[in-house]
């Protein structure tokens, strides 16, 4: 799937697609926020989960060129 098409999906569709087609890479925890990283084709997806509210608050996608920068930061 291309990044543009992924960005046009609803949150539920993004979550379902990532769960079935994404490759889990890593997670990162900051205070009450858990961020799971997935790779889909050639872009990175962040699923941001608030442990206090026990809900997914956001799903972000990152362009292919920014994957290396994001990896270096964590």
C-alpha atoms as a PDB file:
ATOM      1  CA  UNK A   1       0.000   0.000   0.000  1.00  0.00           C
ATOM      2  CA  UNK A   2       1.229   3.489  -0.774  1.00  0.00           C
ATOM      3  CA  UNK A   3       1.601   6.082   1.988  1.00  0.00           C
ATOM      4  CA  UNK A   4      -0.991   8.417   0.438  1.00  0.00           C
ATOM      5  CA  UNK A   5      -3.631   5.678   0.366  1.00  0.00           C
ATOM      6  CA  UNK A   6      -2.818   4.643   3.944  1.00  0.00           C
ATOM      7  CA  UNK A   7      -3.193   8.244   5.147  1.00  0.00           C
ATOM      8  CA  UNK A   8      -6.685   8.398   3.631  1.00  0.00           C
ATOM      9  CA  UNK A   9      -7.942   5.389   5.610  1.00  0.00           C
ATOM     10  CA  UNK A  10     -10.019   5.801   8.769  1.00  0.00           C
ATOM     11  CA  UNK A  11      -8.349   5.129  12.118  1.00  0.00           C
ATOM     12  CA  UNK A  12     -10.055   1.728  12.350  1.00  0.00           C
ATOM     13  CA  UNK A  13      -8.922   0.819   8.825  1.00  0.00           C
ATOM     14  CA  UNK A  14      -5.349   1.959   9.567  1.00  0.00           C
ATOM     15  CA  UNK A  15      -5.291  -0.144  12.720  1.00  0.00           C
ATOM     16  CA  UNK A  16      -6.672  -3.225  10.946  1.00  0.00           C
ATOM     17  CA  UNK A  17      -4.291  -2.859   7.996  1.00  0.00           C
ATOM     18  CA  UNK A  18      -1.282  -2.334  10.251  1.00  0.00           C
ATOM     19  CA  UNK A  19      -2.233  -5.330  12.380  1.00  0.00           C
ATOM     20  CA  UNK A  20      -2.536  -7.651   9.413  1.00  0.00           C
ATOM     21  CA  UNK A  21       0.189  -6.285   7.113  1.00  0.00           C
ATOM     22  CA  UNK A  22       2.656  -4.414   9.297  1.00  0.00           C
ATOM     23  CA  UNK A  23       5.859  -5.835  10.682  1.00  0.00           C
ATOM     24  CA  UNK A  24       6.324  -4.926  14.358  1.00  0.00           C
ATOM     25  CA  UNK A  25       9.682  -3.259  14.926  1.00  0.00           C
ATOM     26  CA  UNK A  26       9.836  -1.868  18.444  1.00  0.00           C
ATOM     27  CA  UNK A  27       8.033   0.085  21.123  1.00  0.00           C
ATOM     28  CA  UNK A  28       8.885   3.119  23.187  1.00  0.00           C
ATOM     29  CA  UNK A  29       7.360   4.134  26.530  1.00  0.00           C
ATOM     30  CA  UNK A  30       7.248   7.695  27.872  1.00  0.00           C
ATOM     31  CA  UNK A  31       5.241   8.257  31.057  1.00  0.00           C
ATOM     32  CA  UNK A  32       1.708   7.035  30.239  1.00  0.00           C
ATOM     33  CA  UNK A  33       2.288   6.831  26.479  1.00  0.00           C
ATOM     34  CA  UNK A  34       3.234   3.636  24.649  1.00  0.00           C
ATOM     35  CA  UNK A  35       4.312   3.970  21.013  1.00  0.00           C
ATOM     36  CA  UNK A  36       4.473   0.860  18.837  1.00  0.00           C
ATOM     37  CA  UNK A  37       6.421   1.055  15.580  1.00  0.00           C
ATOM     38  CA  UNK A  38       5.478  -0.965  12.503  1.00  0.00           C
ATOM     39  CA  UNK A  39       6.911  -1.147   9.002  1.00  0.00           C
ATOM     40  CA  UNK A  40       4.493  -1.313   6.073  1.00  0.00           C
ATOM     41  CA  UNK A  41       6.048  -1.569   2.622  1.00  0.00           C
ATOM     42  CA  UNK A  42       8.472   1.355   2.770  1.00  0.00           C
ATOM     43  CA  UNK A  43       6.990   3.598   5.457  1.00  0.00           C
ATOM     44  CA  UNK A  44       6.863   3.582   9.229  1.00  0.00           C
ATOM     45  CA  UNK A  45       3.655   3.620  11.293  1.00  0.00           C
ATOM     46  CA  UNK A  46       3.444   4.778  14.894  1.00  0.00           C
ATOM     47  CA  UNK A  47       0.486   3.599  16.949  1.00  0.00           C
ATOM     48  CA  UNK A  48       0.252   5.806  20.015  1.00  0.00           C
ATOM     49  CA  UNK A  49      -1.528   4.296  23.010  1.00  0.00           C
ATOM     50  CA  UNK A  50      -2.391   6.143  26.232  1.00  0.00           C
ATOM     51  CA  UNK A  51      -2.092   3.640  29.076  1.00  0.00           C
ATOM     52  CA  UNK A  52      -3.937   5.909  31.501  1.00  0.00           C
ATOM     53  CA  UNK A  53      -7.005   6.189  29.250  1.00  0.00           C
ATOM     54  CA  UNK A  54      -6.419   2.688  27.829  1.00  0.00           C
ATOM     55  CA  UNK A  55      -7.051   3.819  24.269  1.00  0.00           C
ATOM     56  CA  UNK A  56      -5.262   4.484  21.014  1.00  0.00           C
ATOM     57  CA  UNK A  57      -4.963   8.230  20.662  1.00  0.00           C
ATOM     58  CA  UNK A  58      -3.271   8.507  17.283  1.00  0.00           C
ATOM     59  CA  UNK A  59      -1.871   6.601  14.326  1.00  0.00           C
ATOM     60  CA  UNK A  60       0.903   8.396  12.450  1.00  0.00           C
ATOM     61  CA  UNK A  61       2.758   7.462   9.300  1.00  0.00           C
ATOM     62  CA  UNK A  62       6.284   8.575   8.492  1.00  0.00           C
ATOM     63  CA  UNK A  63       7.736   9.077   5.028  1.00  0.00           C
ATOM     64  CA  UNK A  64      10.462   6.685   3.896  1.00  0.00           C
ATOM     65  CA  UNK A  65      13.216   9.318   4.079  1.00  0.00           C
ATOM     66  CA  UNK A  66      12.427  10.049   7.712  1.00  0.00           C
ATOM     67  CA  UNK A  67      12.656   6.419   8.859  1.00  0.00           C
ATOM     68  CA  UNK A  68      16.424   6.607   9.322  1.00  0.00           C
ATOM     69  CA  UNK A  69      16.178   9.858  11.289  1.00  0.00           C
ATOM     70  CA  UNK A  70      13.467   8.413  13.543  1.00  0.00           C
ATOM     71  CA  UNK A  71      15.496   5.253  14.131  1.00  0.00           C
ATOM     72  CA  UNK A  72      18.574   7.260  15.115  1.00  0.00           C
ATOM     73  CA  UNK A  73      16.578   9.353  17.608  1.00  0.00           C
ATOM     74  CA  UNK A  74      15.405   6.267  19.530  1.00  0.00           C
END
